[in-house]
C-alpha atoms as a PDB file:
ATOM      1  CA  MET A   1       0.000   0.000   0.000  1.00  0.00           C
ATOM      2  CA  ASP A   2       1.486   3.251  -1.127  1.00  0.00           C
ATOM      3  CA  ILE A   3       0.502   6.277   0.955  1.00  0.00           C
ATOM      4  CA  SER A   4       3.404   8.479  -0.065  1.00  0.00           C
ATOM      5  CA  ARG A   5       1.078  10.536  -2.259  1.00  0.00           C
ATOM      6  CA  SER A   6      -2.670  10.761  -2.567  1.00  0.00           C
ATOM      7  CA  HIS A   7      -4.819  12.204  -5.320  1.00  0.00           C
ATOM      8  CA  ILE A   8      -7.665  12.490  -2.813  1.00  0.00           C
ATOM      9  CA  LEU A   9      -6.366  15.650  -1.153  1.00  0.00           C
ATOM     10  CA  ALA A  10      -6.397  17.501  -4.454  1.00  0.00           C
ATOM     11  CA  THR A  11      -9.620  16.083  -5.904  1.00  0.00           C
ATOM     12  CA  SER A  12     -11.993  15.521  -2.997  1.00  0.00           C
ATOM     13  CA  PRO A  13     -14.830  17.999  -2.453  1.00  0.00           C
ATOM     14  CA  HIS A  14     -14.953  17.011   1.221  1.00  0.00           C
ATOM     15  CA  GLU A  15     -13.393  19.659   3.402  1.00  0.00           C
ATOM     16  CA  TYR A  16     -12.560  17.220   6.212  1.00  0.00           C
ATOM     17  CA  PHE A  17      -9.994  15.434   4.023  1.00  0.00           C
ATOM     18  CA  GLN A  18      -7.766  18.458   4.530  1.00  0.00           C
ATOM     19  CA  ALA A  19      -7.250  17.243   8.099  1.00  0.00           C
ATOM     20  CA  ARG A  20      -4.107  15.229   7.508  1.00  0.00           C
ATOM     21  CA  TYR A  21      -4.618  11.588   8.483  1.00  0.00           C
ATOM     22  CA  TYR A  22      -8.185  11.605   7.169  1.00  0.00           C
ATOM     23  CA  VAL A  23      -6.565  11.674   3.737  1.00  0.00           C
ATOM     24  CA  ILE A  24      -4.668   8.483   4.602  1.00  0.00           C
ATOM     25  CA  LEU A  25      -7.888   6.790   5.738  1.00  0.00           C
ATOM     26  CA  ALA A  26      -9.733   7.778   2.566  1.00  0.00           C
ATOM     27  CA  HIS A  27      -6.786   6.680   0.433  1.00  0.00           C
ATOM     28  CA  LEU A  28      -6.487   3.319   2.229  1.00  0.00           C
ATOM     29  CA  SER A  29     -10.209   2.676   1.689  1.00  0.00           C
ATOM     30  CA  THR A  30      -9.511   2.475  -2.050  1.00  0.00           C
ATOM     31  CA  TYR A  31      -7.386  -0.665  -1.532  1.00  0.00           C
ATOM     32  CA  PHE A  32     -10.493  -2.605  -0.485  1.00  0.00           C
ATOM     33  CA  SER A  33     -13.749  -3.385  -2.269  1.00  0.00           C
ATOM     34  CA  ASP A  34     -16.965  -4.768  -0.812  1.00  0.00           C
ATOM     35  CA  SER A  35     -15.165  -4.966   2.526  1.00  0.00           C
ATOM     36  CA  VAL A  36     -15.820  -4.177   6.173  1.00  0.00           C
ATOM     37  CA  LEU A  37     -13.795  -1.333   7.705  1.00  0.00           C
ATOM     38  CA  VAL A  38     -13.934  -0.387  11.397  1.00  0.00           C
ATOM     39  CA  ASP A  39     -13.535   3.033  12.988  1.00  0.00           C
ATOM     40  CA  LEU A  40     -12.953   2.547  16.721  1.00  0.00           C
ATOM     41  CA  GLY A  41     -13.593   5.962  18.255  1.00  0.00           C
ATOM     42  CA  THR A  42     -16.176   7.950  16.274  1.00  0.00           C
ATOM     43  CA  HIS A  43     -15.666  11.293  18.069  1.00  0.00           C
ATOM     44  CA  THR A  44     -16.877  13.877  15.501  1.00  0.00           C
ATOM     45  CA  GLY A  45     -17.442  11.307  12.747  1.00  0.00           C
ATOM     46  CA  GLU A  46     -14.757  12.618  10.420  1.00  0.00           C
ATOM     47  CA  SER A  47     -12.620   9.472  10.500  1.00  0.00           C
ATOM     48  CA  ALA A  48     -15.662   7.318   9.696  1.00  0.00           C
ATOM     49  CA  ALA A  49     -16.579   9.660   6.847  1.00  0.00           C
ATOM     50  CA  ALA A  50     -13.040   9.454   5.495  1.00  0.00           C
ATOM     51  CA  LEU A  51     -13.095   5.647   5.635  1.00  0.00           C
ATOM     52  CA  SER A  52     -16.418   5.719   3.758  1.00  0.00           C
ATOM     53  CA  TYR A  53     -14.744   7.318   0.731  1.00  0.00           C
ATOM     54  CA  ASN A  54     -14.914   4.036  -1.211  1.00  0.00           C
ATOM     55  CA  LYS A  55     -18.674   3.486  -1.308  1.00  0.00           C
ATOM     56  CA  SER A  56     -18.387  -0.247  -1.980  1.00  0.00           C
ATOM     57  CA  ASN A  57     -17.224  -0.763   1.612  1.00  0.00           C
ATOM     58  CA  ILE A  58     -19.257  -0.752   4.819  1.00  0.00           C
ATOM     59  CA  VAL A  59     -17.804   1.238   7.719  1.00  0.00           C
ATOM     60  CA  TYR A  60     -18.774   0.332  11.280  1.00  0.00           C
ATOM     61  CA  THR A  61     -17.946   3.193  13.637  1.00  0.00           C
ATOM     62  CA  TYR A  62     -17.960   2.707  17.408  1.00  0.00           C
ATOM     63  CA  ASP A  63     -18.270   5.220  20.220  1.00  0.00           C
ATOM     64  CA  ILE A  64     -19.156   4.758  23.880  1.00  0.00           C
ATOM     65  CA  GLU A  65     -21.753   7.531  23.928  1.00  0.00           C
ATOM     66  CA  HIS A  66     -23.995   9.118  21.329  1.00  0.00           C
ATOM     67  CA  GLN A  67     -22.968  12.503  19.992  1.00  0.00           C
ATOM     68  CA  ALA A  68     -25.489  14.428  17.919  1.00  0.00           C
ATOM     69  CA  ALA A  69     -22.845  16.073  15.710  1.00  0.00           C
ATOM     70  CA  ALA A  70     -21.231  12.727  14.976  1.00  0.00           C
ATOM     71  CA  ALA A  71     -24.584  11.094  14.230  1.00  0.00           C
ATOM     72  CA  GLN A  72     -25.456  13.838  11.773  1.00  0.00           C
ATOM     73  CA  ARG A  73     -22.039  13.584  10.150  1.00  0.00           C
ATOM     74  CA  VAL A  74     -22.131   9.825   9.627  1.00  0.00           C
ATOM     75  CA  GLU A  75     -25.765   9.837   8.482  1.00  0.00           C
ATOM     76  CA  GLU A  76     -24.647  11.838   5.446  1.00  0.00           C
ATOM     77  CA  GLU A  77     -22.753   8.774   4.208  1.00  0.00           C
ATOM     78  CA  LYS A  78     -24.937   5.796   3.285  1.00  0.00           C
ATOM     79  CA  ASN A  79     -22.213   3.188   3.862  1.00  0.00           C
ATOM     80  CA  ILE A  80     -21.602   3.968   7.567  1.00  0.00           C
ATOM     81  CA  ARG A  81     -23.147   2.091  10.504  1.00  0.00           C
ATOM     82  CA  TYR A  82     -22.990   4.034  13.794  1.00  0.00           C
ATOM     83  CA  ILE A  83     -22.747   1.846  16.917  1.00  0.00           C
ATOM     84  CA  ILE A  84     -22.938   3.027  20.510  1.00  0.00           C
ATOM     85  CA  GLY A  85     -21.313   0.626  22.959  1.00  0.00           C
ATOM     86  CA  ASN A  86     -18.090  -0.270  24.689  1.00  0.00           C
ATOM     87  CA  CYS A  87     -16.986  -3.262  22.638  1.00  0.00           C
ATOM     88  CA  ILE A  88     -13.645  -3.468  24.480  1.00  0.00           C
ATOM     89  CA  ASN A  89     -15.080  -3.652  28.017  1.00  0.00           C
ATOM     90  CA  ASP A  90     -17.901  -5.888  26.763  1.00  0.00           C
ATOM     91  CA  ASP A  91     -15.301  -8.285  25.309  1.00  0.00           C
ATOM     92  CA  TRP A  92     -16.782  -7.979  21.799  1.00  0.00           C
ATOM     93  CA  SER A  93     -19.993  -9.705  22.913  1.00  0.00           C
ATOM     94  CA  GLY A  94     -22.414  -6.954  21.890  1.00  0.00           C
ATOM     95  CA  PHE A  95     -24.680  -7.108  18.850  1.00  0.00           C
ATOM     96  CA  ALA A  96     -25.334  -4.433  16.265  1.00  0.00           C
ATOM     97  CA  GLY A  97     -28.619  -4.389  14.380  1.00  0.00           C
ATOM     98  CA  PHE A  98     -29.683  -2.131  11.529  1.00  0.00           C
ATOM     99  CA  PRO A  99     -32.900  -2.034   9.475  1.00  0.00           C
ATOM    100  CA  GLY A 100     -32.937  -4.669   6.745  1.00  0.00           C
ATOM    101  CA  VAL A 101     -29.627  -6.179   7.870  1.00  0.00           C
ATOM    102  CA  GLU A 102     -29.076  -9.322   9.918  1.00  0.00           C
ATOM    103  CA  PRO A 103     -27.593  -8.425  13.348  1.00  0.00           C
ATOM    104  CA  LYS A 104     -23.860  -9.001  13.766  1.00  0.00           C
ATOM    105  CA  SER A 105     -21.809  -9.396  16.904  1.00  0.00           C
ATOM    106  CA  ASP A 106     -19.005  -6.968  17.586  1.00  0.00           C
ATOM    107  CA  LYS A 107     -16.607  -9.899  17.328  1.00  0.00           C
ATOM    108  CA  GLU A 108     -17.938 -10.804  13.889  1.00  0.00           C
ATOM    109  CA  ILE A 109     -17.656  -7.209  12.694  1.00  0.00           C
ATOM    110  CA  PHE A 110     -14.067  -6.799  13.866  1.00  0.00           C
ATOM    111  CA  LEU A 111     -12.831 -10.159  12.615  1.00  0.00           C
ATOM    112  CA  SER A 112     -14.495  -9.733   9.209  1.00  0.00           C
ATOM    113  CA  SER A 113     -12.875  -6.325   8.728  1.00  0.00           C
ATOM    114  CA  GLU A 114      -9.921  -5.606   6.456  1.00  0.00           C
ATOM    115  CA  LEU A 115      -8.900  -2.346   8.159  1.00  0.00           C
ATOM    116  CA  ILE A 116      -9.354  -0.893  11.636  1.00  0.00           C
ATOM    117  CA  PHE A 117      -8.707   2.723  12.587  1.00  0.00           C
ATOM    118  CA  LEU A 118      -7.858   2.887  16.298  1.00  0.00           C
ATOM    119  CA  ASP A 119      -8.347   6.256  18.004  1.00  0.00           C
ATOM    120  CA  ILE A 120      -9.778   5.823  21.502  1.00  0.00           C
ATOM    121  CA  ASP A 121      -9.595   7.855  24.712  1.00  0.00           C
ATOM    122  CA  PRO A 122      -7.752   7.911  26.979  1.00  0.00           C
ATOM    123  CA  HIS A 123      -4.590   7.387  24.933  1.00  0.00           C
ATOM    124  CA  ASN A 124      -2.877   5.227  27.528  1.00  0.00           C
ATOM    125  CA  GLY A 125      -1.945   2.047  25.651  1.00  0.00           C
ATOM    126  CA  ILE A 126      -4.129  -0.132  27.902  1.00  0.00           C
ATOM    127  CA  GLN A 127      -7.255  -0.253  25.754  1.00  0.00           C
ATOM    128  CA  GLU A 128      -5.133  -0.324  22.619  1.00  0.00           C
ATOM    129  CA  ASP A 129      -3.331  -3.390  23.973  1.00  0.00           C
ATOM    130  CA  LYS A 130      -6.665  -5.124  24.591  1.00  0.00           C
ATOM    131  CA  VAL A 131      -7.621  -4.532  20.954  1.00  0.00           C
ATOM    132  CA  LEU A 132      -4.231  -5.763  19.748  1.00  0.00           C
ATOM    133  CA  ASN A 133      -4.392  -8.937  21.840  1.00  0.00           C
ATOM    134  CA  PHE A 134      -7.963  -9.666  20.765  1.00  0.00           C
ATOM    135  CA  LEU A 135      -6.953  -9.461  17.110  1.00  0.00           C
ATOM    136  CA  LEU A 136      -3.830 -11.567  17.640  1.00  0.00           C
ATOM    137  CA  SER A 137      -5.702 -14.256  19.570  1.00  0.00           C
ATOM    138  CA  ASN A 138      -8.182 -14.541  16.698  1.00  0.00           C
ATOM    139  CA  ASN A 139      -5.542 -14.640  13.940  1.00  0.00           C
ATOM    140  CA  TRP A 140      -6.838 -11.487  12.295  1.00  0.00           C
ATOM    141  CA  ALA A 141      -4.892 -10.600   9.134  1.00  0.00           C
ATOM    142  CA  GLY A 142      -5.856  -7.024   8.280  1.00  0.00           C
ATOM    143  CA  ILE A 143      -4.157  -3.678   8.889  1.00  0.00           C
ATOM    144  CA  MET A 144      -4.685  -1.350  11.825  1.00  0.00           C
ATOM    145  CA  VAL A 145      -4.044   2.379  11.589  1.00  0.00           C
ATOM    146  CA  CYS A 146      -3.236   3.853  15.008  1.00  0.00           C
ATOM    147  CA  ASP A 147      -3.540   7.514  15.860  1.00  0.00           C
ATOM    148  CA  ASP A 148      -1.650   9.314  18.629  1.00  0.00           C
ATOM    149  CA  ILE A 149       1.281   6.893  18.908  1.00  0.00           C
ATOM    150  CA  GLY A 150       3.227   9.658  20.642  1.00  0.00           C
ATOM    151  CA  MET A 151       5.890  10.235  18.010  1.00  0.00           C
ATOM    152  CA  GLY A 152       4.483  13.057  15.933  1.00  0.00           C
ATOM    153  CA  LEU A 153       6.548  15.800  14.363  1.00  0.00           C
ATOM    154  CA  GLU A 154       4.216  18.723  14.975  1.00  0.00           C
ATOM    155  CA  GLU A 155       5.657  21.595  17.018  1.00  0.00           C
ATOM    156  CA  GLY A 156       5.130  21.046  20.728  1.00  0.00           C
ATOM    157  CA  LYS A 157       3.607  17.576  20.329  1.00  0.00           C
ATOM    158  CA  GLN A 158       6.712  15.374  20.132  1.00  0.00           C
ATOM    159  CA  ASN A 159       6.171  14.107  23.682  1.00  0.00           C
ATOM    160  CA  ALA A 160       2.410  13.713  23.533  1.00  0.00           C
ATOM    161  CA  HIS A 161       0.925  10.481  24.934  1.00  0.00           C
ATOM    162  CA  PRO A 162       4.090   8.801  26.327  1.00  0.00           C
ATOM    163  CA  PRO A 163       2.163   5.612  27.289  1.00  0.00           C
ATOM    164  CA  MET A 164       1.175   5.268  23.638  1.00  0.00           C
ATOM    165  CA  ARG A 165       4.796   5.612  22.583  1.00  0.00           C
ATOM    166  CA  ASP A 166       5.705   2.790  24.978  1.00  0.00           C
ATOM    167  CA  TRP A 167       2.833   0.650  23.700  1.00  0.00           C
ATOM    168  CA  TRP A 168       3.873   1.223  20.094  1.00  0.00           C
ATOM    169  CA  GLN A 169       7.467   0.245  20.863  1.00  0.00           C
ATOM    170  CA  SER A 170       6.291  -3.019  22.501  1.00  0.00           C
ATOM    171  CA  ILE A 171       4.468  -4.300  19.397  1.00  0.00           C
ATOM    172  CA  ASN A 172       6.175  -7.312  17.851  1.00  0.00           C
ATOM    173  CA  LEU A 173       4.525  -7.259  14.427  1.00  0.00           C
ATOM    174  CA  PRO A 174       5.419  -5.603  11.115  1.00  0.00           C
ATOM    175  CA  LYS A 175       4.650  -1.952  11.810  1.00  0.00           C
ATOM    176  CA  TYR A 176       5.276   1.397  10.195  1.00  0.00           C
ATOM    177  CA  ASN A 177       5.713   4.652  12.067  1.00  0.00           C
ATOM    178  CA  ILE A 178       4.469   6.984   9.348  1.00  0.00           C
ATOM    179  CA  SER A 179       4.654  10.115  11.502  1.00  0.00           C
ATOM    180  CA  SER A 180       7.012  11.730   8.992  1.00  0.00           C
ATOM    181  CA  ASN A 181       4.419  11.391   6.218  1.00  0.00           C
ATOM    182  CA  HIS A 182       2.851  14.680   5.140  1.00  0.00           C
ATOM    183  CA  TYR A 183      -0.636  13.371   5.938  1.00  0.00           C
ATOM    184  CA  SER A 184       0.057  11.921   9.400  1.00  0.00           C
ATOM    185  CA  SER A 185      -1.368  13.166  12.684  1.00  0.00           C
ATOM    186  CA  GLY A 186       0.611  15.755  14.636  1.00  0.00           C
ATOM    187  CA  THR A 187       0.770  13.346  17.581  1.00  0.00           C
ATOM    188  CA  GLY A 188       1.988  10.433  15.486  1.00  0.00           C
ATOM    189  CA  THR A 189       0.391   7.868  13.183  1.00  0.00           C
ATOM    190  CA  GLY A 190       1.329   4.219  12.823  1.00  0.00           C
ATOM    191  CA  ILE A 191       0.174   1.233  10.788  1.00  0.00           C
ATOM    192  CA  ILE A 192       0.360  -2.353  12.052  1.00  0.00           C
ATOM    193  CA  CYS A 193       0.276  -5.127   9.439  1.00  0.00           C
ATOM    194  CA  PHE A 194      -1.181  -8.332  10.858  1.00  0.00           C
ATOM    195  CA  GLY A 195      -1.009 -10.177   7.544  1.00  0.00           C
ATOM    196  CA  GLY A 196       2.464  -9.220   6.298  1.00  0.00           C
ATOM    197  CA  GLN A 197       1.291  -6.299   4.164  1.00  0.00           C
ATOM    198  CA  GLU A 198       3.807  -3.669   3.065  1.00  0.00           C
ATOM    199  CA  VAL A 199       3.328   0.064   3.460  1.00  0.00           C
ATOM    200  CA  ILE A 200       5.186   2.595   1.327  1.00  0.00           C
ATOM    201  CA  TYR A 201       5.269   6.072   2.800  1.00  0.00           C
END
C-alpha cells in the first residue's frame, strides 16, 4: 500500500480530508472493495466519513456515547453504521442491528474487517493493547491504523501520549511509524500489518 502521495487531497470535495490523516484513511479505503472497515472511536465522525470514501465498503464506527454532531455527520454517508457501545469492556460480545440487515456481533464485525482505525480515549496504551491482543488471539490478518502513537513531528507535540509511545514500541509485528508522512497526525500515526502487508510512505 502506497501512501506516499494521494490524489484524494487535491480532488476531494470534502473539506474534512484536509485534516491530515483523514486523507490516509480515505486513500487506504480504495485498496479494499466490498469490505468491512472499522472506525474505533467515532468522536466527531470525520474518520468514519473518510473511511467511507470508497462506497463499496461498509464502515462500522464505534463510540461509547452518542454525539449528535457525529450522528449527523455519519448519516450523510450511506455506507456507515454508527454503533454506541463499549466493545472493548464488553469483550466484543455486543450485537449491532440495523434495518434490513441481519444483526452481527461486535466480534464478527471486527474479525471480518480488512482495516481498523484505532483512536480511543484515553490514549494510555491499555485499551489499545486489549484490541491488539484480541486481534492476535483470533488470527486477524488485516491492517490497523493507530492515531496518537506519541511520536508526531508537529511543534510542541513530540512528547504527547508517552504511554502510547511505549505501547507502540512493545508491538512485535510488522509496523510502520508513518509520523514523517505529510498526511500523518501531529501526535503520530502508525500502521500495524497483521497479515504481512507492506506500506510505502
